[in-house]
N, C-alpha and C. Protein backbone atom coordinates (compact mmCIF):
# COMPACT_ATOMS: atom_id res chain seq x y z
N UNK A 1 6.94 6.14 7.12
CA UNK A 1 7.14 7.06 6.01
C UNK A 1 8.16 8.11 6.45
N UNK A 2 9.26 8.24 5.72
CA UNK A 2 10.28 9.22 6.10
C UNK A 2 9.99 10.62 5.55
N UNK A 3 8.90 10.76 4.79
CA UNK A 3 8.64 12.01 4.09
C UNK A 3 8.20 13.16 4.97
N UNK A 4 8.27 14.33 4.38
CA UNK A 4 7.86 15.58 5.01
C UNK A 4 6.61 16.07 4.28
N UNK A 5 5.64 16.57 5.02
CA UNK A 5 4.43 17.10 4.41
C UNK A 5 4.78 18.33 3.58
N UNK A 6 4.34 18.32 2.32
CA UNK A 6 4.50 19.51 1.48
C UNK A 6 3.19 19.78 0.74
N UNK A 7 3.13 20.89 0.04
CA UNK A 7 1.88 21.37 -0.55
C UNK A 7 1.16 20.32 -1.41
N UNK A 8 1.84 19.56 -2.28
CA UNK A 8 1.10 18.58 -3.09
C UNK A 8 0.38 17.50 -2.28
N UNK A 9 0.81 17.26 -1.03
CA UNK A 9 0.13 16.27 -0.19
C UNK A 9 -1.24 16.75 0.26
N UNK A 10 -1.43 18.04 0.32
CA UNK A 10 -2.63 18.59 0.94
C UNK A 10 -3.90 18.32 0.15
N UNK A 11 -3.81 18.14 -1.16
CA UNK A 11 -5.02 17.96 -1.95
C UNK A 11 -5.51 16.52 -1.98
N UNK A 12 -4.76 15.60 -1.40
CA UNK A 12 -5.18 14.20 -1.46
C UNK A 12 -4.95 13.43 -0.16
N UNK A 13 -4.44 14.05 0.84
CA UNK A 13 -4.16 13.39 2.11
C UNK A 13 -4.99 14.05 3.20
N UNK A 14 -6.06 13.41 3.62
CA UNK A 14 -6.97 14.05 4.56
C UNK A 14 -6.38 14.23 5.95
N UNK A 15 -5.26 13.58 6.22
CA UNK A 15 -4.64 13.72 7.54
C UNK A 15 -3.75 14.95 7.65
N UNK A 16 -3.48 15.61 6.53
CA UNK A 16 -2.57 16.75 6.54
C UNK A 16 -3.30 18.05 6.28
N UNK A 17 -2.90 19.08 7.01
CA UNK A 17 -3.45 20.43 6.85
C UNK A 17 -2.29 21.38 6.56
N UNK A 18 -2.58 22.57 6.04
CA UNK A 18 -1.50 23.49 5.69
C UNK A 18 -0.50 23.74 6.82
N UNK A 19 -0.97 23.80 8.05
CA UNK A 19 -0.05 24.07 9.17
C UNK A 19 0.92 22.91 9.43
N UNK A 20 0.70 21.76 8.80
CA UNK A 20 1.59 20.61 8.97
C UNK A 20 2.76 20.62 7.99
N UNK A 21 2.75 21.52 7.01
CA UNK A 21 3.84 21.56 6.03
C UNK A 21 5.18 21.69 6.74
N UNK A 22 6.14 20.87 6.26
CA UNK A 22 7.48 20.90 6.84
C UNK A 22 7.68 19.91 7.98
N UNK A 23 6.60 19.30 8.47
CA UNK A 23 6.71 18.30 9.54
C UNK A 23 6.74 16.90 8.95
N UNK A 24 7.21 15.94 9.74
CA UNK A 24 7.27 14.55 9.29
C UNK A 24 5.86 13.98 9.12
N UNK A 25 5.62 13.36 7.96
CA UNK A 25 4.31 12.79 7.65
C UNK A 25 3.86 11.79 8.72
N UNK A 26 4.76 10.93 9.14
CA UNK A 26 4.39 9.88 10.11
C UNK A 26 3.91 10.49 11.42
N UNK A 27 4.56 11.53 11.88
CA UNK A 27 4.17 12.18 13.14
C UNK A 27 2.82 12.86 13.01
N UNK A 28 2.63 13.58 11.91
CA UNK A 28 1.36 14.30 11.69
C UNK A 28 0.21 13.31 11.56
N UNK A 29 0.42 12.24 10.79
CA UNK A 29 -0.63 11.24 10.62
C UNK A 29 -1.00 10.59 11.95
N UNK A 30 0.00 10.25 12.77
CA UNK A 30 -0.27 9.63 14.07
C UNK A 30 -1.07 10.57 14.96
N UNK A 31 -0.70 11.84 14.98
CA UNK A 31 -1.42 12.82 15.81
C UNK A 31 -2.88 12.95 15.36
N UNK A 32 -3.09 13.05 14.05
CA UNK A 32 -4.45 13.23 13.54
C UNK A 32 -5.30 11.99 13.77
N UNK A 33 -4.74 10.81 13.57
CA UNK A 33 -5.48 9.57 13.82
C UNK A 33 -5.84 9.44 15.31
N UNK A 34 -4.92 9.81 16.19
CA UNK A 34 -5.19 9.77 17.63
C UNK A 34 -6.27 10.78 18.00
N UNK A 35 -6.30 11.92 17.31
CA UNK A 35 -7.34 12.91 17.57
C UNK A 35 -8.70 12.37 17.13
N UNK A 36 -8.74 11.72 15.98
CA UNK A 36 -9.99 11.17 15.46
C UNK A 36 -10.49 10.02 16.34
N UNK A 37 -9.57 9.15 16.76
CA UNK A 37 -9.94 8.00 17.58
C UNK A 37 -8.93 7.81 18.69
N UNK A 38 -9.18 8.39 19.87
CA UNK A 38 -8.23 8.30 20.97
C UNK A 38 -7.99 6.87 21.46
N UNK A 39 -8.83 5.92 21.07
CA UNK A 39 -8.66 4.54 21.49
C UNK A 39 -7.64 3.75 20.69
N UNK A 40 -7.11 4.35 19.64
CA UNK A 40 -6.13 3.67 18.80
C UNK A 40 -4.77 3.59 19.49
N UNK A 41 -4.07 2.52 19.23
CA UNK A 41 -2.66 2.42 19.59
C UNK A 41 -1.89 2.64 18.29
N UNK A 42 -1.09 3.67 18.24
CA UNK A 42 -0.40 4.05 17.01
C UNK A 42 1.10 4.05 17.25
N UNK A 43 1.81 3.41 16.34
CA UNK A 43 3.27 3.45 16.35
C UNK A 43 3.68 4.00 14.99
N UNK A 44 4.20 5.18 14.96
CA UNK A 44 4.65 5.74 13.68
C UNK A 44 6.17 5.62 13.59
N UNK A 45 6.64 5.45 12.37
CA UNK A 45 8.06 5.31 12.13
C UNK A 45 8.43 6.18 10.94
N UNK A 46 9.28 7.15 11.17
CA UNK A 46 9.72 8.06 10.10
C UNK A 46 11.00 7.51 9.49
N UNK A 47 10.86 6.40 8.77
CA UNK A 47 12.01 5.78 8.11
C UNK A 47 11.53 5.06 6.87
N UNK A 48 12.46 4.77 5.99
CA UNK A 48 12.13 4.08 4.75
C UNK A 48 11.83 2.62 5.03
N UNK A 49 10.91 2.07 4.24
CA UNK A 49 10.57 0.65 4.40
C UNK A 49 11.69 -0.21 3.85
N UNK A 50 12.05 -1.20 4.63
CA UNK A 50 13.00 -2.21 4.21
C UNK A 50 12.70 -3.45 5.04
N UNK A 51 13.19 -4.58 4.59
CA UNK A 51 12.98 -5.80 5.36
C UNK A 51 13.57 -5.64 6.76
N UNK A 52 14.72 -4.96 6.86
CA UNK A 52 15.37 -4.77 8.16
C UNK A 52 14.57 -3.84 9.06
N UNK A 53 14.11 -2.71 8.52
CA UNK A 53 13.34 -1.77 9.37
C UNK A 53 12.01 -2.39 9.77
N UNK A 54 11.42 -3.17 8.88
CA UNK A 54 10.16 -3.83 9.21
C UNK A 54 10.37 -4.83 10.35
N UNK A 55 11.42 -5.64 10.24
CA UNK A 55 11.70 -6.63 11.28
C UNK A 55 11.99 -5.96 12.62
N UNK A 56 12.67 -4.81 12.58
CA UNK A 56 13.04 -4.12 13.81
C UNK A 56 11.85 -3.44 14.49
N UNK A 57 10.85 -3.03 13.72
CA UNK A 57 9.76 -2.23 14.29
C UNK A 57 8.40 -2.89 14.26
N UNK A 58 8.29 -4.07 13.69
CA UNK A 58 7.01 -4.75 13.57
C UNK A 58 6.84 -5.78 14.65
N UNK A 59 5.60 -6.06 14.99
CA UNK A 59 5.31 -7.15 15.92
C UNK A 59 5.19 -8.47 15.18
N UNK A 60 5.34 -8.43 13.86
CA UNK A 60 5.29 -9.64 13.04
C UNK A 60 6.72 -9.97 12.65
N UNK A 61 7.14 -11.17 12.97
CA UNK A 61 8.51 -11.55 12.67
C UNK A 61 8.65 -12.21 11.33
N UNK A 62 9.56 -13.15 11.23
CA UNK A 62 9.83 -13.84 9.97
C UNK A 62 8.77 -14.88 9.65
N UNK A 63 9.12 -15.76 8.75
CA UNK A 63 8.17 -16.74 8.24
C UNK A 63 7.59 -17.62 9.34
N UNK A 64 8.34 -17.83 10.43
CA UNK A 64 7.84 -18.68 11.51
C UNK A 64 6.62 -18.09 12.18
N UNK A 65 6.38 -16.80 12.03
CA UNK A 65 5.21 -16.19 12.64
C UNK A 65 4.16 -15.81 11.61
N UNK A 66 4.26 -16.41 10.42
CA UNK A 66 3.27 -16.12 9.38
C UNK A 66 1.89 -16.52 9.89
N UNK A 67 0.86 -15.79 9.48
CA UNK A 67 -0.49 -16.05 9.99
C UNK A 67 -0.97 -17.45 9.64
N UNK A 68 -1.77 -18.01 10.54
CA UNK A 68 -2.44 -19.28 10.28
C UNK A 68 -3.88 -18.99 9.91
N UNK A 69 -4.64 -20.03 9.60
CA UNK A 69 -6.05 -19.85 9.25
C UNK A 69 -6.86 -19.30 10.41
N UNK A 70 -6.37 -19.44 11.64
CA UNK A 70 -7.09 -18.96 12.81
C UNK A 70 -6.76 -17.52 13.15
N UNK A 71 -5.68 -16.99 12.61
CA UNK A 71 -5.25 -15.63 12.91
C UNK A 71 -6.05 -14.62 12.11
N UNK A 72 -6.16 -13.39 12.64
CA UNK A 72 -6.73 -12.34 11.80
C UNK A 72 -5.81 -12.11 10.60
N UNK A 73 -6.35 -11.67 9.49
CA UNK A 73 -5.50 -11.49 8.31
C UNK A 73 -4.45 -10.39 8.54
N UNK A 74 -3.23 -10.67 8.13
CA UNK A 74 -2.14 -9.71 8.20
C UNK A 74 -1.97 -9.15 6.81
N UNK A 75 -2.28 -7.88 6.65
CA UNK A 75 -2.31 -7.25 5.34
C UNK A 75 -1.50 -5.96 5.37
N UNK A 76 -0.71 -5.72 4.32
CA UNK A 76 0.00 -4.46 4.16
C UNK A 76 -0.58 -3.73 2.94
N UNK A 77 -0.81 -2.44 3.09
CA UNK A 77 -1.27 -1.61 1.99
C UNK A 77 -0.06 -0.96 1.33
N UNK A 78 0.09 -1.14 0.03
CA UNK A 78 1.17 -0.53 -0.73
C UNK A 78 0.67 0.79 -1.30
N UNK A 79 1.13 1.86 -0.70
CA UNK A 79 0.86 3.22 -1.19
C UNK A 79 2.21 3.90 -1.42
N UNK A 80 3.17 3.12 -1.84
CA UNK A 80 4.54 3.60 -1.97
C UNK A 80 4.76 4.36 -3.27
N UNK A 81 5.82 5.16 -3.29
CA UNK A 81 6.10 6.01 -4.45
C UNK A 81 7.11 5.42 -5.42
N UNK A 82 7.87 4.41 -5.00
CA UNK A 82 8.92 3.89 -5.88
C UNK A 82 8.88 2.37 -5.95
N UNK A 83 9.38 1.85 -7.06
CA UNK A 83 9.48 0.40 -7.20
C UNK A 83 10.61 -0.15 -6.34
N UNK A 84 11.62 0.65 -6.03
CA UNK A 84 12.68 0.20 -5.12
C UNK A 84 12.08 -0.11 -3.75
N UNK A 85 11.19 0.76 -3.27
CA UNK A 85 10.51 0.51 -1.99
C UNK A 85 9.61 -0.71 -2.09
N UNK A 86 8.97 -0.87 -3.23
CA UNK A 86 8.10 -2.04 -3.43
C UNK A 86 8.91 -3.33 -3.44
N UNK A 87 10.15 -3.28 -3.90
CA UNK A 87 11.01 -4.46 -3.85
C UNK A 87 11.24 -4.89 -2.40
N UNK A 88 11.39 -3.92 -1.52
CA UNK A 88 11.54 -4.23 -0.09
C UNK A 88 10.24 -4.83 0.46
N UNK A 89 9.11 -4.28 0.03
CA UNK A 89 7.82 -4.80 0.45
C UNK A 89 7.65 -6.25 -0.03
N UNK A 90 8.17 -6.55 -1.21
CA UNK A 90 8.11 -7.91 -1.74
C UNK A 90 8.90 -8.88 -0.85
N UNK A 91 10.05 -8.44 -0.35
CA UNK A 91 10.83 -9.28 0.57
C UNK A 91 10.02 -9.53 1.84
N UNK A 92 9.40 -8.49 2.36
CA UNK A 92 8.58 -8.63 3.58
C UNK A 92 7.43 -9.60 3.33
N UNK A 93 6.78 -9.48 2.19
CA UNK A 93 5.66 -10.36 1.84
C UNK A 93 6.11 -11.81 1.84
N UNK A 94 7.23 -12.08 1.20
CA UNK A 94 7.72 -13.46 1.13
C UNK A 94 8.14 -13.97 2.50
N UNK A 95 8.78 -13.13 3.32
CA UNK A 95 9.27 -13.57 4.62
C UNK A 95 8.16 -13.78 5.64
N UNK A 96 7.10 -12.99 5.57
CA UNK A 96 6.05 -13.07 6.58
C UNK A 96 4.81 -13.83 6.12
N UNK A 97 4.65 -14.00 4.82
CA UNK A 97 3.44 -14.65 4.31
C UNK A 97 2.23 -13.74 4.32
N UNK A 98 2.45 -12.43 4.47
CA UNK A 98 1.34 -11.49 4.51
C UNK A 98 0.81 -11.23 3.10
N UNK A 99 -0.36 -10.65 3.04
CA UNK A 99 -0.95 -10.21 1.78
C UNK A 99 -0.61 -8.74 1.59
N UNK A 100 -0.25 -8.36 0.36
CA UNK A 100 0.02 -6.96 0.04
C UNK A 100 -1.06 -6.48 -0.93
N UNK A 101 -1.68 -5.37 -0.58
CA UNK A 101 -2.67 -4.74 -1.45
C UNK A 101 -1.98 -3.58 -2.15
N UNK A 102 -1.66 -3.79 -3.42
CA UNK A 102 -0.90 -2.80 -4.19
C UNK A 102 -1.84 -1.76 -4.79
N UNK A 103 -1.38 -0.52 -4.77
CA UNK A 103 -2.07 0.56 -5.48
C UNK A 103 -1.02 1.49 -6.06
N UNK A 104 -1.26 1.95 -7.26
CA UNK A 104 -0.36 2.90 -7.90
C UNK A 104 -1.17 3.88 -8.73
N UNK A 105 -0.74 5.14 -8.76
CA UNK A 105 -1.47 6.15 -9.50
C UNK A 105 -0.52 7.06 -10.27
N UNK A 106 -1.03 7.59 -11.36
CA UNK A 106 -0.34 8.63 -12.11
C UNK A 106 -1.40 9.38 -12.91
N UNK A 107 -1.57 10.64 -12.56
CA UNK A 107 -2.55 11.46 -13.26
C UNK A 107 -3.94 10.87 -13.19
N UNK A 108 -4.56 10.69 -14.35
CA UNK A 108 -5.92 10.18 -14.45
C UNK A 108 -6.00 8.66 -14.29
N UNK A 109 -4.86 7.99 -14.16
CA UNK A 109 -4.84 6.53 -14.24
C UNK A 109 -4.28 5.91 -12.96
N UNK A 110 -4.74 4.70 -12.69
CA UNK A 110 -4.23 3.97 -11.54
C UNK A 110 -4.49 2.49 -11.70
N UNK A 111 -3.86 1.71 -10.82
CA UNK A 111 -4.10 0.28 -10.82
C UNK A 111 -4.06 -0.24 -9.39
N UNK A 112 -4.76 -1.34 -9.19
CA UNK A 112 -4.75 -2.03 -7.91
C UNK A 112 -4.70 -3.52 -8.18
N UNK A 113 -4.01 -4.24 -7.32
CA UNK A 113 -3.96 -5.69 -7.38
C UNK A 113 -3.64 -6.21 -5.99
N UNK A 114 -3.76 -7.50 -5.82
CA UNK A 114 -3.49 -8.14 -4.54
C UNK A 114 -2.43 -9.21 -4.73
N UNK A 115 -1.40 -9.13 -3.87
CA UNK A 115 -0.35 -10.14 -3.85
C UNK A 115 -0.51 -10.94 -2.57
N UNK A 116 -0.97 -12.20 -2.67
CA UNK A 116 -1.12 -13.01 -1.46
C UNK A 116 0.25 -13.43 -0.93
N UNK A 117 0.30 -13.91 0.30
CA UNK A 117 1.56 -14.34 0.89
C UNK A 117 2.27 -15.38 0.06
N UNK A 118 1.51 -16.27 -0.52
CA UNK A 118 2.06 -17.27 -1.44
C UNK A 118 1.34 -17.07 -2.75
N UNK A 119 2.10 -16.93 -3.81
CA UNK A 119 1.47 -16.72 -5.11
C UNK A 119 2.16 -15.60 -5.84
N UNK A 120 1.48 -15.07 -6.87
CA UNK A 120 2.11 -14.05 -7.70
C UNK A 120 2.49 -12.81 -6.89
N UNK A 121 3.60 -12.20 -7.30
CA UNK A 121 4.09 -11.00 -6.62
C UNK A 121 4.44 -9.92 -7.62
N UNK A 122 5.23 -8.98 -7.17
CA UNK A 122 5.59 -7.82 -7.99
C UNK A 122 6.28 -8.21 -9.30
N UNK A 123 7.19 -9.16 -9.26
CA UNK A 123 7.90 -9.55 -10.49
C UNK A 123 6.94 -10.16 -11.50
N UNK A 124 5.92 -10.88 -11.01
CA UNK A 124 4.92 -11.45 -11.92
C UNK A 124 4.10 -10.34 -12.59
N UNK A 125 3.81 -9.30 -11.83
CA UNK A 125 2.96 -8.22 -12.34
C UNK A 125 3.73 -7.21 -13.17
N UNK A 126 4.97 -6.90 -12.77
CA UNK A 126 5.71 -5.80 -13.40
C UNK A 126 6.98 -6.23 -14.11
N UNK A 127 7.32 -7.50 -14.06
CA UNK A 127 8.53 -7.99 -14.71
C UNK A 127 9.66 -8.16 -13.71
N UNK A 128 10.65 -9.00 -14.05
CA UNK A 128 11.72 -9.33 -13.11
C UNK A 128 12.60 -8.15 -12.69
N UNK A 129 12.68 -7.13 -13.51
CA UNK A 129 13.53 -5.97 -13.18
C UNK A 129 12.72 -4.79 -12.64
N UNK A 130 11.55 -5.08 -12.05
CA UNK A 130 10.66 -3.99 -11.62
C UNK A 130 11.33 -3.03 -10.64
N UNK A 131 12.23 -3.51 -9.79
CA UNK A 131 12.84 -2.66 -8.77
C UNK A 131 13.73 -1.58 -9.37
N UNK A 132 14.17 -1.76 -10.61
CA UNK A 132 15.08 -0.79 -11.22
C UNK A 132 14.35 0.34 -11.95
N UNK A 133 13.02 0.30 -11.97
CA UNK A 133 12.27 1.38 -12.62
C UNK A 133 12.52 2.66 -11.83
N UNK A 134 13.05 3.70 -12.49
CA UNK A 134 13.39 4.93 -11.75
C UNK A 134 12.15 5.67 -11.28
N UNK A 135 12.28 6.30 -10.13
CA UNK A 135 11.20 7.14 -9.61
C UNK A 135 11.14 8.40 -10.45
N UNK A 136 9.96 8.88 -10.68
CA UNK A 136 9.79 10.09 -11.47
C UNK A 136 8.72 10.96 -10.86
N UNK A 137 8.87 12.25 -11.00
CA UNK A 137 7.83 13.16 -10.55
C UNK A 137 6.62 12.96 -11.46
N UNK A 138 5.46 12.88 -10.87
CA UNK A 138 4.27 12.68 -11.68
C UNK A 138 3.08 13.38 -11.03
N UNK A 139 2.16 13.76 -11.88
CA UNK A 139 0.93 14.37 -11.38
C UNK A 139 0.09 13.30 -10.70
N UNK A 140 -0.47 13.65 -9.58
CA UNK A 140 -1.34 12.71 -8.86
C UNK A 140 -2.65 13.43 -8.57
N UNK A 141 -3.72 12.96 -9.17
CA UNK A 141 -5.03 13.57 -8.97
C UNK A 141 -5.73 12.94 -7.77
N UNK A 142 -6.30 13.77 -6.91
CA UNK A 142 -6.99 13.23 -5.73
C UNK A 142 -8.09 12.23 -6.07
N UNK A 143 -8.81 12.46 -7.17
CA UNK A 143 -9.88 11.53 -7.53
C UNK A 143 -9.33 10.15 -7.87
N UNK A 144 -8.19 10.10 -8.53
CA UNK A 144 -7.58 8.81 -8.86
C UNK A 144 -7.12 8.10 -7.59
N UNK A 145 -6.51 8.84 -6.68
CA UNK A 145 -6.08 8.27 -5.40
C UNK A 145 -7.29 7.69 -4.67
N UNK A 146 -8.40 8.41 -4.66
CA UNK A 146 -9.60 7.95 -3.95
C UNK A 146 -10.12 6.65 -4.53
N UNK A 147 -10.16 6.54 -5.85
CA UNK A 147 -10.66 5.32 -6.48
C UNK A 147 -9.74 4.14 -6.17
N UNK A 148 -8.44 4.33 -6.31
CA UNK A 148 -7.50 3.23 -6.06
C UNK A 148 -7.53 2.83 -4.58
N UNK A 149 -7.59 3.80 -3.69
CA UNK A 149 -7.69 3.48 -2.26
C UNK A 149 -8.98 2.71 -1.97
N UNK A 150 -10.07 3.09 -2.62
CA UNK A 150 -11.34 2.38 -2.42
C UNK A 150 -11.22 0.93 -2.89
N UNK A 151 -10.53 0.70 -4.00
CA UNK A 151 -10.32 -0.67 -4.48
C UNK A 151 -9.48 -1.47 -3.48
N UNK A 152 -8.45 -0.84 -2.93
CA UNK A 152 -7.61 -1.52 -1.93
C UNK A 152 -8.43 -1.86 -0.68
N UNK A 153 -9.23 -0.92 -0.22
CA UNK A 153 -10.05 -1.16 0.97
C UNK A 153 -11.08 -2.26 0.70
N UNK A 154 -11.67 -2.27 -0.50
CA UNK A 154 -12.62 -3.33 -0.85
C UNK A 154 -11.94 -4.69 -0.80
N UNK A 155 -10.72 -4.77 -1.29
CA UNK A 155 -9.97 -6.03 -1.21
C UNK A 155 -9.72 -6.42 0.24
N UNK A 156 -9.35 -5.43 1.07
CA UNK A 156 -9.12 -5.71 2.49
C UNK A 156 -10.40 -6.24 3.14
N UNK A 157 -11.53 -5.59 2.87
CA UNK A 157 -12.79 -6.05 3.46
C UNK A 157 -13.14 -7.45 2.98
N UNK A 158 -12.83 -7.74 1.75
CA UNK A 158 -13.04 -9.07 1.19
C UNK A 158 -12.28 -10.10 2.04
N UNK A 159 -11.05 -9.79 2.38
CA UNK A 159 -10.21 -10.68 3.19
C UNK A 159 -10.70 -10.71 4.64
N UNK A 160 -10.93 -9.52 5.20
CA UNK A 160 -11.25 -9.39 6.62
C UNK A 160 -12.56 -10.07 6.98
N UNK A 161 -13.50 -10.12 6.06
CA UNK A 161 -14.78 -10.74 6.34
C UNK A 161 -14.74 -12.26 6.20
N UNK A 162 -13.55 -12.81 5.99
CA UNK A 162 -13.40 -14.24 6.03
C UNK A 162 -13.06 -14.91 4.71
N UNK A 163 -13.14 -14.20 3.61
CA UNK A 163 -12.78 -14.79 2.32
C UNK A 163 -11.31 -14.51 2.09
N UNK A 164 -10.49 -15.53 2.25
CA UNK A 164 -9.05 -15.35 2.14
C UNK A 164 -8.56 -15.42 0.69
N UNK A 165 -9.47 -15.40 -0.26
CA UNK A 165 -9.07 -15.42 -1.67
C UNK A 165 -9.58 -14.16 -2.35
N UNK A 166 -8.84 -13.06 -2.23
CA UNK A 166 -9.28 -11.79 -2.80
C UNK A 166 -9.51 -11.86 -4.30
N UNK A 167 -10.33 -10.96 -4.79
CA UNK A 167 -10.74 -11.00 -6.19
C UNK A 167 -9.67 -10.49 -7.15
N UNK A 168 -8.67 -9.75 -6.67
CA UNK A 168 -7.68 -9.17 -7.57
C UNK A 168 -6.35 -9.91 -7.58
N UNK A 169 -6.30 -11.14 -7.11
CA UNK A 169 -5.07 -11.92 -7.20
C UNK A 169 -4.87 -12.30 -8.67
N UNK A 170 -3.71 -11.95 -9.21
CA UNK A 170 -3.40 -12.26 -10.60
C UNK A 170 -4.06 -11.35 -11.61
N UNK A 171 -4.70 -10.30 -11.12
CA UNK A 171 -5.45 -9.40 -11.99
C UNK A 171 -5.24 -7.95 -11.55
N UNK A 172 -5.02 -7.07 -12.50
CA UNK A 172 -5.03 -5.64 -12.22
C UNK A 172 -6.44 -5.10 -12.42
N UNK A 173 -6.88 -4.28 -11.50
CA UNK A 173 -8.03 -3.41 -11.75
C UNK A 173 -7.39 -2.11 -12.22
N UNK A 174 -7.64 -1.74 -13.45
CA UNK A 174 -7.01 -0.55 -14.04
C UNK A 174 -8.07 0.53 -14.18
N UNK A 175 -7.80 1.66 -13.52
CA UNK A 175 -8.75 2.77 -13.51
C UNK A 175 -8.33 3.81 -14.54
N UNK A 176 -9.28 4.20 -15.36
CA UNK A 176 -9.10 5.26 -16.35
C UNK A 176 -10.05 6.39 -15.97
N UNK A 177 -9.52 7.40 -15.31
CA UNK A 177 -10.34 8.51 -14.84
C UNK A 177 -10.93 9.35 -15.96
N UNK A 178 -10.30 9.36 -17.10
CA UNK A 178 -10.86 10.12 -18.24
C UNK A 178 -12.16 9.48 -18.73
N UNK A 179 -12.26 8.16 -18.61
CA UNK A 179 -13.48 7.47 -19.02
C UNK A 179 -14.35 7.08 -17.83
N UNK A 180 -13.85 7.32 -16.60
CA UNK A 180 -14.53 6.86 -15.38
C UNK A 180 -14.84 5.37 -15.48
N UNK A 181 -13.81 4.61 -15.86
CA UNK A 181 -14.00 3.18 -16.08
C UNK A 181 -12.92 2.38 -15.38
N UNK A 182 -13.30 1.18 -14.95
CA UNK A 182 -12.34 0.23 -14.38
C UNK A 182 -12.35 -1.00 -15.27
N UNK A 183 -11.19 -1.33 -15.82
CA UNK A 183 -11.02 -2.53 -16.63
C UNK A 183 -10.18 -3.51 -15.85
N UNK A 184 -10.20 -4.77 -16.25
CA UNK A 184 -9.40 -5.79 -15.58
C UNK A 184 -8.42 -6.41 -16.58
N UNK A 185 -7.22 -6.63 -16.11
CA UNK A 185 -6.17 -7.21 -16.94
C UNK A 185 -5.49 -8.32 -16.14
N UNK A 186 -5.57 -9.54 -16.64
CA UNK A 186 -4.90 -10.66 -15.99
C UNK A 186 -3.42 -10.62 -16.27
N UNK A 187 -2.59 -10.84 -15.23
CA UNK A 187 -1.16 -10.91 -15.46
C UNK A 187 -0.57 -12.24 -15.02
N UNK A 188 -1.32 -13.05 -14.29
CA UNK A 188 -0.78 -14.34 -13.83
C UNK A 188 -1.92 -15.18 -13.29
N UNK A 189 -1.91 -16.43 -13.65
CA UNK A 189 -2.88 -17.37 -13.08
C UNK A 189 -2.19 -18.67 -12.80
């Protein structure tokens, strides 16, 4: 993450405190995670996600190193702010065969879905021109972030416990915080 901690991050990012404002998010997050669990090996990168930066800094290479049925699941969590960044994540997904757990929020609303290494991806869910959707400033409520993150983690646990067919493949879980409801919408089967 190339971003800098600022005030709006503080109400929804448990790794950031007021004294971290103005510092690089990746550095602050790595320090806080190491404080919480000193046994972790953490590599933080303060740069934008791209297929090139991923290849340069990841221990996972191209398609030749895609996970097999015997490997632990290789999963990326999409908590990105722009569709341009998600387009890069889509390239990584296709090249590595990893699963991407997508989450997006705006105000009271959010959605989560799972893109397996092979199968429907961002263009199936958002249309072929999804990468050109402009980034916009938007209100982000901590409660919405928490619900969408919980859905992403549930999908990860679904995969990690041995079921390699997550429940949200081809389906959005759409959260409406005003109604405290989660609906499902199929976008591809």
